[in-house]
Amino acid sequence: VRFKFGGGGDERNNLEALIHQLAVGGLVELMGPTEDVAGALAEMDIFAYPTTGESVGWVVLEAMAMSLPVISTSVGAVTTWVRHMETGLLLEQGDQASDAAV
């Protein structure tokens, strides 16, 4: 199992330190922002989108278009495209068990 995280944010330094502390550098990749979304998605088997406030989430549509199973928090327009247990899995935002699952 390998985990790839796309995008950026204020927690990158903390994540890098945690990856080093846990010695999981061979399993976890922080990709950062990418212009080649399709290329990044093509390397995945599952697409997890644990957003806390995304209003649209276009990348979810891109993942679905590539037939990737989608797991996302139930936020914004994501609920328009992902129907829980039909076209993907939706998890409640802020629920610790859901957060851990994603």
C-alpha atoms as a PDB file:
ATOM      1  CA  VAL A   1       0.000   0.000   0.000  1.00  0.00           C
ATOM      2  CA  ARG A   2       1.202   3.481  -0.900  1.00  0.00           C
ATOM      3  CA  PHE A   3      -0.443   6.757  -0.003  1.00  0.00           C
ATOM      4  CA  LYS A   4      -0.177   9.852  -2.195  1.00  0.00           C
ATOM      5  CA  PHE A   5      -1.348  13.228  -1.012  1.00  0.00           C
ATOM      6  CA  GLY A   6      -1.916  16.001  -3.522  1.00  0.00           C
ATOM      7  CA  GLY A   7      -2.270  19.704  -2.923  1.00  0.00           C
ATOM      8  CA  GLY A   8      -0.626  22.007  -0.471  1.00  0.00           C
ATOM      9  CA  GLY A   9      -1.328  23.608   2.820  1.00  0.00           C
ATOM     10  CA  ASP A  10      -0.089  24.901   6.118  1.00  0.00           C
ATOM     11  CA  GLU A  11       0.417  21.407   7.568  1.00  0.00           C
ATOM     12  CA  ARG A  12       3.011  20.198   5.057  1.00  0.00           C
ATOM     13  CA  ASN A  13       5.988  20.686   7.408  1.00  0.00           C
ATOM     14  CA  ASN A  14       4.157  18.868  10.205  1.00  0.00           C
ATOM     15  CA  LEU A  15       3.266  16.014   7.848  1.00  0.00           C
ATOM     16  CA  GLU A  16       6.849  15.718   6.635  1.00  0.00           C
ATOM     17  CA  ALA A  17       8.054  15.546  10.242  1.00  0.00           C
ATOM     18  CA  LEU A  18       5.455  12.903  11.103  1.00  0.00           C
ATOM     19  CA  ILE A  19       6.368  10.812   8.050  1.00  0.00           C
ATOM     20  CA  HIS A  20      10.019  10.966   9.113  1.00  0.00           C
ATOM     21  CA  GLN A  21       9.200  10.220  12.771  1.00  0.00           C
ATOM     22  CA  LEU A  22       7.118   7.163  11.821  1.00  0.00           C
ATOM     23  CA  ALA A  23       9.686   6.034   9.210  1.00  0.00           C
ATOM     24  CA  VAL A  24       7.028   5.614   6.530  1.00  0.00           C
ATOM     25  CA  GLY A  25       8.719   7.622   3.798  1.00  0.00           C
ATOM     26  CA  GLY A  26       8.591   4.627   1.466  1.00  0.00           C
ATOM     27  CA  LEU A  27       4.809   4.415   1.869  1.00  0.00           C
ATOM     28  CA  VAL A  28       3.766   8.070   1.848  1.00  0.00           C
ATOM     29  CA  GLU A  29       4.317  10.686  -0.831  1.00  0.00           C
ATOM     30  CA  LEU A  30       3.393  14.348  -0.480  1.00  0.00           C
ATOM     31  CA  MET A  31       2.985  15.290  -4.142  1.00  0.00           C
ATOM     32  CA  GLY A  32       2.130  18.936  -3.603  1.00  0.00           C
ATOM     33  CA  PRO A  33       0.088  20.841  -6.157  1.00  0.00           C
ATOM     34  CA  THR A  34       0.023  19.353  -9.659  1.00  0.00           C
ATOM     35  CA  GLU A  35      -1.079  20.521 -13.068  1.00  0.00           C
ATOM     36  CA  ASP A  36      -1.286  16.888 -14.258  1.00  0.00           C
ATOM     37  CA  VAL A  37      -4.367  15.818 -12.323  1.00  0.00           C
ATOM     38  CA  ALA A  38      -5.239  13.064 -14.807  1.00  0.00           C
ATOM     39  CA  GLY A  39      -1.724  11.642 -14.545  1.00  0.00           C
ATOM     40  CA  ALA A  40      -1.845  11.642 -10.750  1.00  0.00           C
ATOM     41  CA  LEU A  41      -5.298  10.026 -10.718  1.00  0.00           C
ATOM     42  CA  ALA A  42      -4.162   7.362 -13.199  1.00  0.00           C
ATOM     43  CA  GLU A  43      -1.702   6.095 -10.565  1.00  0.00           C
ATOM     44  CA  MET A  44      -4.434   5.597  -7.940  1.00  0.00           C
ATOM     45  CA  ASP A  45      -6.723   2.697  -7.089  1.00  0.00           C
ATOM     46  CA  ILE A  46      -8.971   4.688  -4.732  1.00  0.00           C
ATOM     47  CA  PHE A  47      -9.547   8.429  -4.458  1.00  0.00           C
ATOM     48  CA  ALA A  48     -10.048   9.811  -0.940  1.00  0.00           C
ATOM     49  CA  TYR A  49     -11.131  13.438  -0.559  1.00  0.00           C
ATOM     50  CA  PRO A  50     -11.277  14.432   3.128  1.00  0.00           C
ATOM     51  CA  THR A  51     -12.121  18.075   2.504  1.00  0.00           C
ATOM     52  CA  THR A  52     -13.501  20.301   5.230  1.00  0.00           C
ATOM     53  CA  GLY A  53     -14.884  23.128   3.165  1.00  0.00           C
ATOM     54  CA  GLU A  54     -14.610  22.594  -0.584  1.00  0.00           C
ATOM     55  CA  SER A  55     -17.641  24.072  -2.277  1.00  0.00           C
ATOM     56  CA  VAL A  56     -17.275  22.382  -5.671  1.00  0.00           C
ATOM     57  CA  GLY A  57     -14.611  19.653  -5.633  1.00  0.00           C
ATOM     58  CA  TRP A  58     -13.992  19.309  -9.371  1.00  0.00           C
ATOM     59  CA  VAL A  59     -11.279  16.743  -8.709  1.00  0.00           C
ATOM     60  CA  VAL A  60     -13.996  14.383  -7.410  1.00  0.00           C
ATOM     61  CA  LEU A  61     -15.667  14.526 -10.845  1.00  0.00           C
ATOM     62  CA  GLU A  62     -12.308  13.910 -12.498  1.00  0.00           C
ATOM     63  CA  ALA A  63     -11.731  10.857 -10.286  1.00  0.00           C
ATOM     64  CA  MET A  64     -15.221   9.541 -11.029  1.00  0.00           C
ATOM     65  CA  ALA A  65     -14.674  10.077 -14.770  1.00  0.00           C
ATOM     66  CA  MET A  66     -11.627   7.820 -14.463  1.00  0.00           C
ATOM     67  CA  SER A  67     -13.776   5.152 -12.740  1.00  0.00           C
ATOM     68  CA  LEU A  68     -11.995   5.496  -9.411  1.00  0.00           C
ATOM     69  CA  PRO A  69     -13.926   4.593  -6.266  1.00  0.00           C
ATOM     70  CA  VAL A  70     -14.439   7.842  -4.327  1.00  0.00           C
ATOM     71  CA  ILE A  71     -14.485   8.318  -0.565  1.00  0.00           C
ATOM     72  CA  SER A  72     -15.224  11.880   0.516  1.00  0.00           C
ATOM     73  CA  THR A  73     -16.536  13.969   3.336  1.00  0.00           C
ATOM     74  CA  SER A  74     -20.126  15.074   2.814  1.00  0.00           C
ATOM     75  CA  VAL A  75     -19.401  18.726   1.988  1.00  0.00           C
ATOM     76  CA  GLY A  76     -20.648  21.181  -0.631  1.00  0.00           C
ATOM     77  CA  ALA A  77     -21.372  20.022  -4.165  1.00  0.00           C
ATOM     78  CA  VAL A  78     -19.640  16.687  -3.563  1.00  0.00           C
ATOM     79  CA  THR A  79     -22.995  15.406  -2.280  1.00  0.00           C
ATOM     80  CA  THR A  80     -24.531  16.244  -5.661  1.00  0.00           C
ATOM     81  CA  TRP A  81     -22.169  13.897  -7.487  1.00  0.00           C
ATOM     82  CA  VAL A  82     -21.419  11.191  -4.962  1.00  0.00           C
ATOM     83  CA  ARG A  83     -24.427   9.207  -3.759  1.00  0.00           C
ATOM     84  CA  HIS A  84     -23.529   7.309  -0.603  1.00  0.00           C
ATOM     85  CA  MET A  85     -23.173   3.559  -1.218  1.00  0.00           C
ATOM     86  CA  GLU A  86     -24.183   4.010  -4.883  1.00  0.00           C
ATOM     87  CA  THR A  87     -21.434   6.001  -6.583  1.00  0.00           C
ATOM     88  CA  GLY A  88     -19.049   6.248  -3.627  1.00  0.00           C
ATOM     89  CA  LEU A  89     -18.834   6.638   0.109  1.00  0.00           C
ATOM     90  CA  LEU A  90     -19.712   9.854   1.941  1.00  0.00           C
ATOM     91  CA  LEU A  91     -18.489  10.435   5.474  1.00  0.00           C
ATOM     92  CA  GLU A  92     -19.679  13.117   7.878  1.00  0.00           C
ATOM     93  CA  GLN A  93     -17.300  16.021   8.342  1.00  0.00           C
ATOM     94  CA  GLY A  94     -15.911  16.358  11.854  1.00  0.00           C
ATOM     95  CA  ASP A  95     -16.774  12.808  12.903  1.00  0.00           C
ATOM     96  CA  GLN A  96     -13.553  11.335  14.319  1.00  0.00           C
ATOM     97  CA  ALA A  97     -14.300   7.816  13.102  1.00  0.00           C
ATOM     98  CA  SER A  98     -15.009   9.134   9.592  1.00  0.00           C
ATOM     99  CA  ASP A  99     -11.876  11.257   9.645  1.00  0.00           C
ATOM    100  CA  ALA A 100      -9.804   8.234  10.606  1.00  0.00           C
ATOM    101  CA  ALA A 101     -11.419   6.153   7.839  1.00  0.00           C
ATOM    102  CA  VAL A 102     -10.452   8.673   5.181  1.00  0.00           C
END
